[in-house]
Amino acid sequence: MRGVESPRVECKASWDDTITGLQVLHTICAFANDFQNLDGGSIIIGVAQENGRVVLPPKGLSPLEIEQAQHWIRGKCHAIDPEYQPILSPEVVDGRHILVIWAR
């Protein structure tokens, strides 16, 4: 285990529209409304955490899950008023696909 989850970095082991998706949407809104001026935060999907520490190698997502997650996130963020679109960055770590969301 390496790395530490913090108030500005949140990890999700997997993607699921109904559970993870809603959690991610709430976190995007929280990071985007950065009242303490802490420069937002990041959400990493496809990486598990245990006791606040990142578990590597990442669990990863399939390319289809990454595509579905991006489509779902873009659609839901389009409906936020005012609209807010985070940066979505598909990455490969240790040969596994993850999705990094930057909300600033």
PDB file of N, CA and C in Angstrom:
ATOM      1  N   MET A   1       0.846  -1.180   0.000  1.00  0.00           N
ATOM      2  CA  MET A   1       0.000   0.000   0.000  1.00  0.00           C
ATOM      3  C   MET A   1       0.889   1.240   0.000  1.00  0.00           C
ATOM      4  N   ARG A   2       0.540   2.200  -0.851  1.00  0.00           N
ATOM      5  CA  ARG A   2       1.262   3.453  -0.905  1.00  0.00           C
ATOM      6  C   ARG A   2       0.263   4.584  -1.079  1.00  0.00           C
ATOM      7  N   GLY A   3       0.700   5.797  -0.749  1.00  0.00           N
ATOM      8  CA  GLY A   3      -0.147   6.959  -0.926  1.00  0.00           C
ATOM      9  C   GLY A   3      -1.233   7.043   0.127  1.00  0.00           C
ATOM     10  N   VAL A   4      -1.800   8.221   0.253  1.00  0.00           N
ATOM     11  CA  VAL A   4      -2.805   8.429   1.284  1.00  0.00           C
ATOM     12  C   VAL A   4      -3.987   9.179   0.692  1.00  0.00           C
ATOM     13  N   GLU A   5      -5.185   8.675   0.963  1.00  0.00           N
ATOM     14  CA  GLU A   5      -6.395   9.409   0.599  1.00  0.00           C
ATOM     15  C   GLU A   5      -6.506  10.588   1.556  1.00  0.00           C
ATOM     16  N   SER A   6      -6.930  11.742   1.055  1.00  0.00           N
ATOM     17  CA  SER A   6      -7.005  12.948   1.886  1.00  0.00           C
ATOM     18  C   SER A   6      -8.327  13.651   1.625  1.00  0.00           C
ATOM     19  N   PRO A   7      -8.576  14.760   2.332  1.00  0.00           N
ATOM     20  CA  PRO A   7      -9.816  15.501   2.081  1.00  0.00           C
ATOM     21  C   PRO A   7      -9.906  16.058   0.654  1.00  0.00           C
ATOM     22  N   ARG A   8      -8.813  16.091  -0.068  1.00  0.00           N
ATOM     23  CA  ARG A   8      -8.794  16.621  -1.433  1.00  0.00           C
ATOM     24  C   ARG A   8      -8.537  15.553  -2.484  1.00  0.00           C
ATOM     25  N   VAL A   9      -8.419  14.295  -2.053  1.00  0.00           N
ATOM     26  CA  VAL A   9      -8.253  13.166  -2.976  1.00  0.00           C
ATOM     27  C   VAL A   9      -9.168  12.050  -2.498  1.00  0.00           C
ATOM     28  N   GLU A  10     -10.046  11.618  -3.408  1.00  0.00           N
ATOM     29  CA  GLU A  10     -10.972  10.533  -3.056  1.00  0.00           C
ATOM     30  C   GLU A  10     -10.797   9.406  -4.062  1.00  0.00           C
ATOM     31  N   CYS A  11     -10.725   8.186  -3.566  1.00  0.00           N
ATOM     32  CA  CYS A  11     -10.556   7.010  -4.415  1.00  0.00           C
ATOM     33  C   CYS A  11     -11.823   6.167  -4.412  1.00  0.00           C
ATOM     34  N   LYS A  12     -12.139   5.623  -5.567  1.00  0.00           N
ATOM     35  CA  LYS A  12     -13.265   4.706  -5.731  1.00  0.00           C
ATOM     36  C   LYS A  12     -12.744   3.476  -6.449  1.00  0.00           C
ATOM     37  N   ALA A  13     -12.968   2.302  -5.887  1.00  0.00           N
ATOM     38  CA  ALA A  13     -12.429   1.063  -6.452  1.00  0.00           C
ATOM     39  C   ALA A  13     -13.089   0.675  -7.769  1.00  0.00           C
ATOM     40  N   SER A  14     -14.355   1.059  -7.950  1.00  0.00           N
ATOM     41  CA  SER A  14     -15.077   0.618  -9.140  1.00  0.00           C
ATOM     42  C   SER A  14     -16.053   1.707  -9.591  1.00  0.00           C
ATOM     43  N   TRP A  15     -16.698   1.464 -10.731  1.00  0.00           N
ATOM     44  CA  TRP A  15     -17.691   2.396 -11.255  1.00  0.00           C
ATOM     45  C   TRP A  15     -19.051   1.720 -11.319  1.00  0.00           C
ATOM     46  N   ASP A  16     -20.052   2.465 -10.901  1.00  0.00           N
ATOM     47  CA  ASP A  16     -21.442   2.017 -10.937  1.00  0.00           C
ATOM     48  C   ASP A  16     -22.285   3.288 -10.949  1.00  0.00           C
ATOM     49  N   ASP A  17     -23.155   3.439 -11.954  1.00  0.00           N
ATOM     50  CA  ASP A  17     -23.963   4.671 -12.095  1.00  0.00           C
ATOM     51  C   ASP A  17     -24.769   5.010 -10.850  1.00  0.00           C
ATOM     52  N   THR A  18     -25.380   4.015 -10.237  1.00  0.00           N
ATOM     53  CA  THR A  18     -26.340   4.296  -9.172  1.00  0.00           C
ATOM     54  C   THR A  18     -25.700   4.608  -7.827  1.00  0.00           C
ATOM     55  N   ILE A  19     -24.554   4.003  -7.523  1.00  0.00           N
ATOM     56  CA  ILE A  19     -23.936   4.256  -6.217  1.00  0.00           C
ATOM     57  C   ILE A  19     -22.708   5.140  -6.368  1.00  0.00           C
ATOM     58  N   THR A  20     -21.697   4.631  -7.052  1.00  0.00           N
ATOM     59  CA  THR A  20     -20.463   5.402  -7.215  1.00  0.00           C
ATOM     60  C   THR A  20     -20.725   6.708  -7.955  1.00  0.00           C
ATOM     61  N   GLY A  21     -21.578   6.636  -8.977  1.00  0.00           N
ATOM     62  CA  GLY A  21     -21.860   7.823  -9.771  1.00  0.00           C
ATOM     63  C   GLY A  21     -22.393   8.972  -8.927  1.00  0.00           C
ATOM     64  N   LEU A  22     -23.360   8.693  -8.076  1.00  0.00           N
ATOM     65  CA  LEU A  22     -23.919   9.746  -7.225  1.00  0.00           C
ATOM     66  C   LEU A  22     -22.886  10.266  -6.220  1.00  0.00           C
ATOM     67  N   GLN A  23     -22.069   9.367  -5.669  1.00  0.00           N
ATOM     68  CA  GLN A  23     -21.006   9.802  -4.753  1.00  0.00           C
ATOM     69  C   GLN A  23     -20.021  10.719  -5.477  1.00  0.00           C
ATOM     70  N   VAL A  24     -19.656  10.336  -6.689  1.00  0.00           N
ATOM     71  CA  VAL A  24     -18.718  11.136  -7.478  1.00  0.00           C
ATOM     72  C   VAL A  24     -19.324  12.504  -7.795  1.00  0.00           C
ATOM     73  N   LEU A  25     -20.577  12.538  -8.177  1.00  0.00           N
ATOM     74  CA  LEU A  25     -21.237  13.809  -8.495  1.00  0.00           C
ATOM     75  C   LEU A  25     -21.263  14.737  -7.280  1.00  0.00           C
ATOM     76  N   HIS A  26     -21.570  14.206  -6.113  1.00  0.00           N
ATOM     77  CA  HIS A  26     -21.572  15.017  -4.885  1.00  0.00           C
ATOM     78  C   HIS A  26     -20.169  15.538  -4.579  1.00  0.00           C
ATOM     79  N   THR A  27     -19.168  14.709  -4.777  1.00  0.00           N
ATOM     80  CA  THR A  27     -17.792  15.130  -4.508  1.00  0.00           C
ATOM     81  C   THR A  27     -17.328  16.172  -5.505  1.00  0.00           C
ATOM     82  N   ILE A  28     -17.694  16.027  -6.764  1.00  0.00           N
ATOM     83  CA  ILE A  28     -17.354  17.044  -7.775  1.00  0.00           C
ATOM     84  C   ILE A  28     -17.931  18.391  -7.356  1.00  0.00           C
ATOM     85  N   CYS A  29     -19.192  18.400  -6.937  1.00  0.00           N
ATOM     86  CA  CYS A  29     -19.820  19.657  -6.501  1.00  0.00           C
ATOM     87  C   CYS A  29     -19.094  20.245  -5.298  1.00  0.00           C
ATOM     88  N   ALA A  30     -18.715  19.403  -4.348  1.00  0.00           N
ATOM     89  CA  ALA A  30     -18.009  19.884  -3.155  1.00  0.00           C
ATOM     90  C   ALA A  30     -16.649  20.466  -3.534  1.00  0.00           C
ATOM     91  N   PHE A  31     -15.902  19.774  -4.384  1.00  0.00           N
ATOM     92  CA  PHE A  31     -14.578  20.267  -4.786  1.00  0.00           C
ATOM     93  C   PHE A  31     -14.692  21.542  -5.620  1.00  0.00           C
ATOM     94  N   ALA A  32     -15.711  21.629  -6.466  1.00  0.00           N
ATOM     95  CA  ALA A  32     -15.884  22.815  -7.312  1.00  0.00           C
ATOM     96  C   ALA A  32     -16.288  24.032  -6.487  1.00  0.00           C
ATOM     97  N   ASN A  33     -17.027  23.826  -5.392  1.00  0.00           N
ATOM     98  CA  ASN A  33     -17.409  24.918  -4.496  1.00  0.00           C
ATOM     99  C   ASN A  33     -16.342  25.059  -3.422  1.00  0.00           C
ATOM    100  N   ASP A  34     -15.189  25.479  -3.822  1.00  0.00           N
ATOM    101  CA  ASP A  34     -13.999  25.511  -2.973  1.00  0.00           C
ATOM    102  C   ASP A  34     -13.964  26.802  -2.150  1.00  0.00           C
ATOM    103  N   PHE A  35     -14.834  26.882  -1.157  1.00  0.00           N
ATOM    104  CA  PHE A  35     -14.944  28.096  -0.353  1.00  0.00           C
ATOM    105  C   PHE A  35     -13.676  28.393   0.446  1.00  0.00           C
ATOM    106  N   GLN A  36     -12.899  27.371   0.770  1.00  0.00           N
ATOM    107  CA  GLN A  36     -11.669  27.575   1.536  1.00  0.00           C
ATOM    108  C   GLN A  36     -10.471  27.837   0.636  1.00  0.00           C
ATOM    109  N   ASN A  37     -10.722  27.916  -0.679  1.00  0.00           N
ATOM    110  CA  ASN A  37      -9.675  28.223  -1.650  1.00  0.00           C
ATOM    111  C   ASN A  37      -8.508  27.241  -1.567  1.00  0.00           C
ATOM    112  N   LEU A  38      -8.835  25.936  -1.541  1.00  0.00           N
ATOM    113  CA  LEU A  38      -7.831  24.884  -1.443  1.00  0.00           C
ATOM    114  C   LEU A  38      -7.520  24.258  -2.797  1.00  0.00           C
ATOM    115  N   ASP A  39      -7.981  24.863  -3.880  1.00  0.00           N
ATOM    116  CA  ASP A  39      -7.721  24.412  -5.242  1.00  0.00           C
ATOM    117  C   ASP A  39      -8.445  23.115  -5.582  1.00  0.00           C
ATOM    118  N   GLY A  40      -9.661  22.954  -5.082  1.00  0.00           N
ATOM    119  CA  GLY A  40     -10.485  21.814  -5.458  1.00  0.00           C
ATOM    120  C   GLY A  40      -9.929  20.488  -5.007  1.00  0.00           C
ATOM    121  N   GLY A  41     -10.101  19.458  -5.839  1.00  0.00           N
ATOM    122  CA  GLY A  41      -9.619  18.133  -5.478  1.00  0.00           C
ATOM    123  C   GLY A  41      -9.715  17.168  -6.638  1.00  0.00           C
ATOM    124  N   SER A  42      -9.350  15.929  -6.380  1.00  0.00           N
ATOM    125  CA  SER A  42      -9.315  14.892  -7.408  1.00  0.00           C
ATOM    126  C   SER A  42     -10.029  13.643  -6.926  1.00  0.00           C
ATOM    127  N   ILE A  43     -10.669  12.976  -7.867  1.00  0.00           N
ATOM    128  CA  ILE A  43     -11.317  11.696  -7.607  1.00  0.00           C
ATOM    129  C   ILE A  43     -10.654  10.696  -8.540  1.00  0.00           C
ATOM    130  N   ILE A  44     -10.246   9.561  -7.997  1.00  0.00           N
ATOM    131  CA  ILE A  44      -9.594   8.539  -8.803  1.00  0.00           C
ATOM    132  C   ILE A  44     -10.480   7.297  -8.783  1.00  0.00           C
ATOM    133  N   ILE A  45     -10.984   6.917  -9.946  1.00  0.00           N
ATOM    134  CA  ILE A  45     -11.859   5.755 -10.048  1.00  0.00           C
ATOM    135  C   ILE A  45     -11.056   4.590 -10.613  1.00  0.00           C
ATOM    136  N   GLY A  46     -11.153   3.450  -9.925  1.00  0.00           N
ATOM    137  CA  GLY A  46     -10.410   2.267 -10.330  1.00  0.00           C
ATOM    138  C   GLY A  46      -9.283   1.956  -9.366  1.00  0.00           C
ATOM    139  N   VAL A  47      -9.208   2.733  -8.279  1.00  0.00           N
ATOM    140  CA  VAL A  47      -8.172   2.546  -7.259  1.00  0.00           C
ATOM    141  C   VAL A  47      -8.855   2.361  -5.908  1.00  0.00           C
ATOM    142  N   ALA A  48      -8.574   1.253  -5.270  1.00  0.00           N
ATOM    143  CA  ALA A  48      -9.149   0.979  -3.955  1.00  0.00           C
ATOM    144  C   ALA A  48      -8.319   1.675  -2.881  1.00  0.00           C
ATOM    145  N   GLN A  49      -8.921   1.820  -1.702  1.00  0.00           N
ATOM    146  CA  GLN A  49      -8.193   2.339  -0.549  1.00  0.00           C
ATOM    147  C   GLN A  49      -8.550   1.485   0.646  1.00  0.00           C
ATOM    148  N   GLU A  50      -7.601   1.369   1.525  1.00  0.00           N
ATOM    149  CA  GLU A  50      -7.802   0.582   2.733  1.00  0.00           C
ATOM    150  C   GLU A  50      -7.203   1.360   3.898  1.00  0.00           C
ATOM    151  N   ASN A  51      -8.029   1.667   4.892  1.00  0.00           N
ATOM    152  CA  ASN A  51      -7.587   2.453   6.046  1.00  0.00           C
ATOM    153  C   ASN A  51      -6.941   3.770   5.631  1.00  0.00           C
ATOM    154  N   GLY A  52      -7.528   4.419   4.598  1.00  0.00           N
ATOM    155  CA  GLY A  52      -7.027   5.718   4.149  1.00  0.00           C
ATOM    156  C   GLY A  52      -5.795   5.658   3.275  1.00  0.00           C
ATOM    157  N   ARG A  53      -5.342   4.462   2.932  1.00  0.00           N
ATOM    158  CA  ARG A  53      -4.158   4.316   2.092  1.00  0.00           C
ATOM    159  C   ARG A  53      -4.546   3.678   0.761  1.00  0.00           C
ATOM    160  N   VAL A  54      -3.959   4.185  -0.301  1.00  0.00           N
ATOM    161  CA  VAL A  54      -4.216   3.681  -1.644  1.00  0.00           C
ATOM    162  C   VAL A  54      -3.609   2.290  -1.792  1.00  0.00           C
ATOM    163  N   VAL A  55      -4.376   1.373  -2.389  1.00  0.00           N
ATOM    164  CA  VAL A  55      -3.893   0.021  -2.639  1.00  0.00           C
ATOM    165  C   VAL A  55      -3.408  -0.060  -4.087  1.00  0.00           C
ATOM    166  N   LEU A  56      -2.126  -0.384  -4.250  1.00  0.00           N
ATOM    167  CA  LEU A  56      -1.539  -0.540  -5.580  1.00  0.00           C
ATOM    168  C   LEU A  56      -1.024  -1.961  -5.734  1.00  0.00           C
ATOM    169  N   PRO A  57      -1.062  -2.536  -6.907  1.00  0.00           N
ATOM    170  CA  PRO A  57      -1.515  -1.933  -8.158  1.00  0.00           C
ATOM    171  C   PRO A  57      -3.021  -1.670  -8.109  1.00  0.00           C
ATOM    172  N   PRO A  58      -3.476  -0.724  -8.939  1.00  0.00           N
ATOM    173  CA  PRO A  58      -4.902  -0.395  -8.920  1.00  0.00           C
ATOM    174  C   PRO A  58      -5.758  -1.561  -9.392  1.00  0.00           C
ATOM    175  N   LYS A  59      -6.983  -1.575  -8.929  1.00  0.00           N
ATOM    176  CA  LYS A  59      -7.956  -2.573  -9.377  1.00  0.00           C
ATOM    177  C   LYS A  59      -8.233  -2.376 -10.867  1.00  0.00           C
ATOM    178  N   GLY A  60      -8.388  -1.115 -11.264  1.00  0.00           N
ATOM    179  CA  GLY A  60      -8.601  -0.763 -12.661  1.00  0.00           C
ATOM    180  C   GLY A  60     -10.043  -0.905 -13.116  1.00  0.00           C
ATOM    181  N   LEU A  61     -10.300  -0.349 -14.283  1.00  0.00           N
ATOM    182  CA  LEU A  61     -11.610  -0.404 -14.933  1.00  0.00           C
ATOM    183  C   LEU A  61     -11.405  -0.900 -16.354  1.00  0.00           C
ATOM    184  N   SER A  62     -12.436  -1.458 -16.941  1.00  0.00           N
ATOM    185  CA  SER A  62     -12.345  -1.830 -18.357  1.00  0.00           C
ATOM    186  C   SER A  62     -12.464  -0.559 -19.193  1.00  0.00           C
ATOM    187  N   PRO A  63     -11.971  -0.576 -20.436  1.00  0.00           N
ATOM    188  CA  PRO A  63     -12.154   0.593 -21.302  1.00  0.00           C
ATOM    189  C   PRO A  63     -13.630   0.968 -21.462  1.00  0.00           C
ATOM    190  N   LEU A  64     -14.521  -0.030 -21.499  1.00  0.00           N
ATOM    191  CA  LEU A  64     -15.955   0.261 -21.599  1.00  0.00           C
ATOM    192  C   LEU A  64     -16.457   0.981 -20.352  1.00  0.00           C
ATOM    193  N   GLU A  65     -16.024   0.554 -19.168  1.00  0.00           N
ATOM    194  CA  GLU A  65     -16.425   1.224 -17.918  1.00  0.00           C
ATOM    195  C   GLU A  65     -15.923   2.665 -17.901  1.00  0.00           C
ATOM    196  N   ILE A  66     -14.712   2.896 -18.388  1.00  0.00           N
ATOM    197  CA  ILE A  66     -14.173   4.268 -18.440  1.00  0.00           C
ATOM    198  C   ILE A  66     -15.039   5.126 -19.361  1.00  0.00           C
ATOM    199  N   GLU A  67     -15.387   4.585 -20.517  1.00  0.00           N
ATOM    200  CA  GLU A  67     -16.227   5.320 -21.466  1.00  0.00           C
ATOM    201  C   GLU A  67     -17.602   5.614 -20.865  1.00  0.00           C
ATOM    202  N   GLN A  68     -18.209   4.616 -20.231  1.00  0.00           N
ATOM    203  CA  GLN A  68     -19.530   4.796 -19.615  1.00  0.00           C
ATOM    204  C   GLN A  68     -19.472   5.811 -18.480  1.00  0.00           C
ATOM    205  N   ALA A  69     -18.439   5.754 -17.662  1.00  0.00           N
ATOM    206  CA  ALA A  69     -18.295   6.701 -16.546  1.00  0.00           C
ATOM    207  C   ALA A  69     -18.159   8.126 -17.068  1.00  0.00           C
ATOM    208  N   GLN A  70     -17.322   8.318 -18.082  1.00  0.00           N
ATOM    209  CA  GLN A  70     -17.141   9.671 -18.638  1.00  0.00           C
ATOM    210  C   GLN A  70     -18.456  10.204 -19.210  1.00  0.00           C
ATOM    211  N   HIS A  71     -19.161   9.374 -19.943  1.00  0.00           N
ATOM    212  CA  HIS A  71     -20.436   9.790 -20.537  1.00  0.00           C
ATOM    213  C   HIS A  71     -21.437  10.166 -19.439  1.00  0.00           C
ATOM    214  N   TRP A  72     -21.538   9.335 -18.397  1.00  0.00           N
ATOM    215  CA  TRP A  72     -22.465   9.589 -17.297  1.00  0.00           C
ATOM    216  C   TRP A  72     -22.102  10.879 -16.564  1.00  0.00           C
ATOM    217  N   ILE A  73     -20.815  11.049 -16.252  1.00  0.00           N
ATOM    218  CA  ILE A  73     -20.355  12.236 -15.521  1.00  0.00           C
ATOM    219  C   ILE A  73     -20.616  13.499 -16.348  1.00  0.00           C
ATOM    220  N   ARG A  74     -20.269  13.475 -17.637  1.00  0.00           N
ATOM    221  CA  ARG A  74     -20.502  14.650 -18.494  1.00  0.00           C
ATOM    222  C   ARG A  74     -21.991  15.006 -18.532  1.00  0.00           C
ATOM    223  N   GLY A  75     -22.844  14.013 -18.684  1.00  0.00           N
ATOM    224  CA  GLY A  75     -24.288  14.267 -18.743  1.00  0.00           C
ATOM    225  C   GLY A  75     -24.819  14.866 -17.452  1.00  0.00           C
ATOM    226  N   LYS A  76     -24.422  14.303 -16.324  1.00  0.00           N
ATOM    227  CA  LYS A  76     -24.907  14.811 -15.032  1.00  0.00           C
ATOM    228  C   LYS A  76     -24.342  16.198 -14.733  1.00  0.00           C
ATOM    229  N   CYS A  77     -23.079  16.424 -15.067  1.00  0.00           N
ATOM    230  CA  CYS A  77     -22.484  17.747 -14.813  1.00  0.00           C
ATOM    231  C   CYS A  77     -23.081  18.817 -15.719  1.00  0.00           C
ATOM    232  N   HIS A  78     -23.574  18.399 -16.883  1.00  0.00           N
ATOM    233  CA  HIS A  78     -24.264  19.334 -17.780  1.00  0.00           C
ATOM    234  C   HIS A  78     -25.554  19.840 -17.141  1.00  0.00           C
ATOM    235  N   ALA A  79     -26.163  19.020 -16.282  1.00  0.00           N
ATOM    236  CA  ALA A  79     -27.435  19.376 -15.639  1.00  0.00           C
ATOM    237  C   ALA A  79     -27.253  20.220 -14.381  1.00  0.00           C
ATOM    238  N   ILE A  80     -26.023  20.326 -13.882  1.00  0.00           N
ATOM    239  CA  ILE A  80     -25.779  21.161 -12.696  1.00  0.00           C
ATOM    240  C   ILE A  80     -26.021  22.617 -13.068  1.00  0.00           C
ATOM    241  N   ASP A  81     -26.585  23.385 -12.155  1.00  0.00           N
ATOM    242  CA  ASP A  81     -26.843  24.804 -12.412  1.00  0.00           C
ATOM    243  C   ASP A  81     -26.095  25.645 -11.393  1.00  0.00           C
ATOM    244  N   PRO A  82     -25.101  26.420 -11.825  1.00  0.00           N
ATOM    245  CA  PRO A  82     -24.615  26.563 -13.192  1.00  0.00           C
ATOM    246  C   PRO A  82     -23.824  25.323 -13.611  1.00  0.00           C
ATOM    247  N   GLU A  83     -23.814  25.078 -14.917  1.00  0.00           N
ATOM    248  CA  GLU A  83     -23.111  23.911 -15.443  1.00  0.00           C
ATOM    249  C   GLU A  83     -21.644  23.945 -15.032  1.00  0.00           C
ATOM    250  N   TYR A  84     -21.133  22.796 -14.663  1.00  0.00           N
ATOM    251  CA  TYR A  84     -19.715  22.676 -14.297  1.00  0.00           C
ATOM    252  C   TYR A  84     -19.171  21.395 -14.911  1.00  0.00           C
ATOM    253  N   GLN A  85     -18.082  21.491 -15.632  1.00  0.00           N
ATOM    254  CA  GLN A  85     -17.466  20.314 -16.245  1.00  0.00           C
ATOM    255  C   GLN A  85     -16.046  20.142 -15.699  1.00  0.00           C
ATOM    256  N   PRO A  86     -15.810  19.072 -14.932  1.00  0.00           N
ATOM    257  CA  PRO A  86     -14.461  18.801 -14.442  1.00  0.00           C
ATOM    258  C   PRO A  86     -13.590  18.271 -15.579  1.00  0.00           C
ATOM    259  N   ILE A  87     -12.311  18.188 -15.330  1.00  0.00           N
ATOM    260  CA  ILE A  87     -11.384  17.581 -16.287  1.00  0.00           C
ATOM    261  C   ILE A  87     -11.398  16.074 -16.037  1.00  0.00           C
ATOM    262  N   LEU A  88     -11.648  15.292 -17.079  1.00  0.00           N
ATOM    263  CA  LEU A  88     -11.651  13.838 -16.992  1.00  0.00           C
ATOM    264  C   LEU A  88     -10.411  13.326 -17.718  1.00  0.00           C
ATOM    265  N   SER A  89      -9.612  12.537 -17.033  1.00  0.00           N
ATOM    266  CA  SER A  89      -8.350  12.090 -17.599  1.00  0.00           C
ATOM    267  C   SER A  89      -8.178  10.578 -17.444  1.00  0.00           C
ATOM    268  N   PRO A  90      -8.478   9.811 -18.507  1.00  0.00           N
ATOM    269  CA  PRO A  90      -8.210   8.373 -18.455  1.00  0.00           C
ATOM    270  C   PRO A  90      -6.687   8.160 -18.409  1.00  0.00           C
ATOM    271  N   GLU A  91      -6.247   7.298 -17.528  1.00  0.00           N
ATOM    272  CA  GLU A  91      -4.817   7.037 -17.347  1.00  0.00           C
ATOM    273  C   GLU A  91      -4.584   5.527 -17.268  1.00  0.00           C
ATOM    274  N   VAL A  92      -3.335   5.120 -17.412  1.00  0.00           N
ATOM    275  CA  VAL A  92      -2.948   3.722 -17.236  1.00  0.00           C
ATOM    276  C   VAL A  92      -1.859   3.689 -16.169  1.00  0.00           C
ATOM    277  N   VAL A  93      -2.094   2.901 -15.117  1.00  0.00           N
ATOM    278  CA  VAL A  93      -1.135   2.745 -14.029  1.00  0.00           C
ATOM    279  C   VAL A  93      -0.894   1.252 -13.846  1.00  0.00           C
ATOM    280  N   ASP A  94       0.351   0.852 -13.889  1.00  0.00           N
ATOM    281  CA  ASP A  94       0.709  -0.569 -13.752  1.00  0.00           C
ATOM    282  C   ASP A  94      -0.101  -1.445 -14.709  1.00  0.00           C
ATOM    283  N   GLY A  95      -0.320  -0.938 -15.922  1.00  0.00           N
ATOM    284  CA  GLY A  95      -1.035  -1.698 -16.942  1.00  0.00           C
ATOM    285  C   GLY A  95      -2.539  -1.756 -16.770  1.00  0.00           C
ATOM    286  N   ARG A  96      -3.080  -1.009 -15.816  1.00  0.00           N
ATOM    287  CA  ARG A  96      -4.526  -1.004 -15.573  1.00  0.00           C
ATOM    288  C   ARG A  96      -5.090   0.391 -15.820  1.00  0.00           C
ATOM    289  N   HIS A  97      -6.299   0.420 -16.367  1.00  0.00           N
ATOM    290  CA  HIS A  97      -6.961   1.687 -16.700  1.00  0.00           C
ATOM    291  C   HIS A  97      -7.653   2.265 -15.471  1.00  0.00           C
ATOM    292  N   ILE A  98      -7.456   3.569 -15.258  1.00  0.00           N
ATOM    293  CA  ILE A  98      -8.153   4.300 -14.200  1.00  0.00           C
ATOM    294  C   ILE A  98      -8.688   5.596 -14.794  1.00  0.00           C
ATOM    295  N   LEU A  99      -9.567   6.254 -14.070  1.00  0.00           N
ATOM    296  CA  LEU A  99     -10.094   7.545 -14.497  1.00  0.00           C
ATOM    297  C   LEU A  99      -9.842   8.549 -13.377  1.00  0.00           C
ATOM    298  N   VAL A 100      -9.132   9.628 -13.719  1.00  0.00           N
ATOM    299  CA  VAL A 100      -8.863  10.698 -12.775  1.00  0.00           C
ATOM    300  C   VAL A 100      -9.771  11.873 -13.116  1.00  0.00           C
ATOM    301  N   ILE A 101     -10.460  12.387 -12.111  1.00  0.00           N
ATOM    302  CA  ILE A 101     -11.358  13.529 -12.280  1.00  0.00           C
ATOM    303  C   ILE A 101     -10.765  14.692 -11.498  1.00  0.00           C
ATOM    304  N   TRP A 102     -10.498  15.785 -12.187  1.00  0.00           N
ATOM    305  CA  TRP A 102      -9.949  16.983 -11.556  1.00  0.00           C
ATOM    306  C   TRP A 102     -11.069  18.013 -11.454  1.00  0.00           C
ATOM    307  N   ALA A 103     -11.456  18.364 -10.256  1.00  0.00           N
ATOM    308  CA  ALA A 103     -12.497  19.372 -10.029  1.00  0.00           C
ATOM    309  C   ALA A 103     -11.839  20.569  -9.365  1.00  0.00           C
ATOM    310  N   ARG A 104     -11.718  21.662 -10.102  1.00  0.00           N
ATOM    311  CA  ARG A 104     -11.037  22.852  -9.615  1.00  0.00           C
ATOM    312  C   ARG A 104     -11.877  24.076  -9.829  1.00  0.00           C
TER     313      ARG A 104
END
